[in-house]
Amino acid sequence: MNENEQLALEIQGRIKQLEELSGTEIKTEMDDLKVVLLKNPAACQLLLPEDIGRMVSCIKKLMLGAKTLAEIKKPTSRKKPQIDLSADLSLEGF
């Protein structure tokens, strides 16, 4: 087994571990995995479509978590009381 195959196996193992993580753990691990992938393009060529699919599902999980968090922190809009600015400009009564 050459060095690239060994790296590919390690990357596959890290990808499988992503499915068990959540929240900030998964974000940190995805960032670390990105660095490893960028440093080892030859090992990336040995990844299987299933591995890529697992990474995509983890990214979707991250995005859904971020969207949910943004909705929770979304400020509620307070409506200001409306002031009646209409005036009676008719000439009746003069």
C-alpha atoms as a PDB file:
ATOM      1  CA  MET A   1       0.000   0.000   0.000  1.00  0.00           C
ATOM      2  CA  ASN A   2       1.554   3.296  -1.037  1.00  0.00           C
ATOM      3  CA  GLU A   3       1.425   6.589   0.832  1.00  0.00           C
ATOM      4  CA  ASN A   4      -1.520   8.007  -1.152  1.00  0.00           C
ATOM      5  CA  GLU A   5      -3.631   4.918  -0.502  1.00  0.00           C
ATOM      6  CA  GLN A   6      -2.823   5.139   3.200  1.00  0.00           C
ATOM      7  CA  LEU A   7      -3.818   8.813   3.263  1.00  0.00           C
ATOM      8  CA  ALA A   8      -7.024   8.008   1.381  1.00  0.00           C
ATOM      9  CA  LEU A   9      -7.929   5.391   4.000  1.00  0.00           C
ATOM     10  CA  GLU A  10      -7.278   7.885   6.799  1.00  0.00           C
ATOM     11  CA  ILE A  11      -9.422  10.497   5.039  1.00  0.00           C
ATOM     12  CA  GLN A  12     -12.217   7.947   4.566  1.00  0.00           C
ATOM     13  CA  GLY A  13     -12.075   7.171   8.281  1.00  0.00           C
ATOM     14  CA  ARG A  14     -12.327  10.842   9.166  1.00  0.00           C
ATOM     15  CA  ILE A  15     -15.282  11.252   6.819  1.00  0.00           C
ATOM     16  CA  LYS A  16     -17.101   8.349   8.492  1.00  0.00           C
ATOM     17  CA  GLN A  17     -16.512   9.952  11.896  1.00  0.00           C
ATOM     18  CA  LEU A  18     -18.185  13.167  10.700  1.00  0.00           C
ATOM     19  CA  GLU A  19     -21.588  11.480  10.703  1.00  0.00           C
ATOM     20  CA  GLU A  20     -21.407  11.048  14.480  1.00  0.00           C
ATOM     21  CA  LEU A  21     -20.526  14.669  15.249  1.00  0.00           C
ATOM     22  CA  SER A  22     -22.747  17.721  15.553  1.00  0.00           C
ATOM     23  CA  GLY A  23     -22.593  21.472  16.074  1.00  0.00           C
ATOM     24  CA  THR A  24     -19.219  23.100  16.513  1.00  0.00           C
ATOM     25  CA  GLU A  25     -17.482  19.712  16.615  1.00  0.00           C
ATOM     26  CA  ILE A  26     -18.517  18.957  13.046  1.00  0.00           C
ATOM     27  CA  LYS A  27     -17.504  22.431  11.861  1.00  0.00           C
ATOM     28  CA  THR A  28     -14.058  22.103  13.415  1.00  0.00           C
ATOM     29  CA  GLU A  29     -13.563  18.625  11.993  1.00  0.00           C
ATOM     30  CA  MET A  30     -14.749  19.748   8.537  1.00  0.00           C
ATOM     31  CA  ASP A  31     -12.231  22.602   8.628  1.00  0.00           C
ATOM     32  CA  ASP A  32      -9.453  20.168   9.553  1.00  0.00           C
ATOM     33  CA  LEU A  33     -10.553  17.750   6.844  1.00  0.00           C
ATOM     34  CA  LYS A  34     -10.525  20.555   4.276  1.00  0.00           C
ATOM     35  CA  VAL A  35      -6.894  21.314   5.107  1.00  0.00           C
ATOM     36  CA  VAL A  36      -5.956  17.636   4.757  1.00  0.00           C
ATOM     37  CA  LEU A  37      -7.767  17.380   1.416  1.00  0.00           C
ATOM     38  CA  LEU A  38      -6.070  20.497   0.057  1.00  0.00           C
ATOM     39  CA  LYS A  39      -2.630  19.219   1.084  1.00  0.00           C
ATOM     40  CA  ASN A  40      -3.162  15.781  -0.490  1.00  0.00           C
ATOM     41  CA  PRO A  41      -4.816  16.077  -3.913  1.00  0.00           C
ATOM     42  CA  ALA A  42      -3.448  12.688  -5.023  1.00  0.00           C
ATOM     43  CA  ALA A  43      -5.151  10.967  -2.091  1.00  0.00           C
ATOM     44  CA  CYS A  44      -8.402  12.762  -2.934  1.00  0.00           C
ATOM     45  CA  GLN A  45      -8.454  11.050  -6.305  1.00  0.00           C
ATOM     46  CA  LEU A  46      -8.729   7.708  -4.517  1.00  0.00           C
ATOM     47  CA  LEU A  47     -11.873   8.664  -2.586  1.00  0.00           C
ATOM     48  CA  LEU A  48     -15.061   6.830  -3.469  1.00  0.00           C
ATOM     49  CA  PRO A  49     -18.340   8.507  -4.472  1.00  0.00           C
ATOM     50  CA  GLU A  50     -19.815   7.326  -1.158  1.00  0.00           C
ATOM     51  CA  ASP A  51     -17.151   9.301   0.699  1.00  0.00           C
ATOM     52  CA  ILE A  52     -17.988  12.443  -1.245  1.00  0.00           C
ATOM     53  CA  GLY A  53     -21.684  11.842  -0.533  1.00  0.00           C
ATOM     54  CA  ARG A  54     -20.985  11.583   3.203  1.00  0.00           C
ATOM     55  CA  MET A  55     -19.092  14.873   3.124  1.00  0.00           C
ATOM     56  CA  VAL A  56     -21.962  16.546   1.268  1.00  0.00           C
ATOM     57  CA  SER A  57     -24.504  15.263   3.793  1.00  0.00           C
ATOM     58  CA  CYS A  58     -22.359  16.647   6.626  1.00  0.00           C
ATOM     59  CA  ILE A  59     -22.178  20.015   4.885  1.00  0.00           C
ATOM     60  CA  LYS A  60     -25.971  19.994   4.534  1.00  0.00           C
ATOM     61  CA  LYS A  61     -26.235  19.159   8.225  1.00  0.00           C
ATOM     62  CA  LEU A  62     -24.004  22.141   9.025  1.00  0.00           C
ATOM     63  CA  MET A  63     -26.044  24.452   6.818  1.00  0.00           C
ATOM     64  CA  LEU A  64     -29.336  23.302   8.345  1.00  0.00           C
ATOM     65  CA  GLY A  65     -27.927  23.859  11.830  1.00  0.00           C
ATOM     66  CA  ALA A  66     -26.744  27.348  10.894  1.00  0.00           C
ATOM     67  CA  LYS A  67     -30.119  28.184   9.363  1.00  0.00           C
ATOM     68  CA  THR A  68     -31.957  26.938  12.438  1.00  0.00           C
ATOM     69  CA  LEU A  69     -29.653  28.903  14.720  1.00  0.00           C
ATOM     70  CA  ALA A  70     -30.190  32.052  12.658  1.00  0.00           C
ATOM     71  CA  GLU A  71     -33.954  31.627  12.893  1.00  0.00           C
ATOM     72  CA  ILE A  72     -33.748  31.214  16.658  1.00  0.00           C
ATOM     73  CA  LYS A  73     -31.623  34.340  17.063  1.00  0.00           C
ATOM     74  CA  LYS A  74     -33.733  36.330  14.611  1.00  0.00           C
ATOM     75  CA  PRO A  75     -34.901  39.484  16.349  1.00  0.00           C
ATOM     76  CA  THR A  76     -38.610  39.892  16.642  1.00  0.00           C
ATOM     77  CA  SER A  77     -39.873  42.991  14.951  1.00  0.00           C
ATOM     78  CA  ARG A  78     -41.782  45.307  17.206  1.00  0.00           C
ATOM     79  CA  LYS A  79     -44.401  47.372  15.504  1.00  0.00           C
ATOM     80  CA  LYS A  80     -44.514  50.987  16.524  1.00  0.00           C
ATOM     81  CA  PRO A  81     -47.933  52.294  17.442  1.00  0.00           C
ATOM     82  CA  GLN A  82     -49.460  54.123  14.536  1.00  0.00           C
ATOM     83  CA  ILE A  83     -50.292  57.762  15.037  1.00  0.00           C
ATOM     84  CA  ASP A  84     -53.303  59.129  13.215  1.00  0.00           C
ATOM     85  CA  LEU A  85     -51.909  61.909  11.029  1.00  0.00           C
ATOM     86  CA  SER A  86     -55.098  62.605   9.123  1.00  0.00           C
ATOM     87  CA  ALA A  87     -56.608  66.046   9.511  1.00  0.00           C
ATOM     88  CA  ASP A  88     -60.085  67.286   8.687  1.00  0.00           C
ATOM     89  CA  LEU A  89     -59.454  69.881   5.983  1.00  0.00           C
ATOM     90  CA  SER A  90     -63.069  70.428   5.032  1.00  0.00           C
ATOM     91  CA  LEU A  91     -64.480  73.956   5.149  1.00  0.00           C
ATOM     92  CA  GLU A  92     -67.747  72.878   6.697  1.00  0.00           C
ATOM     93  CA  GLY A  93     -68.571  74.564   9.923  1.00  0.00           C
ATOM     94  CA  PHE A  94     -66.975  77.919   9.145  1.00  0.00           C
END
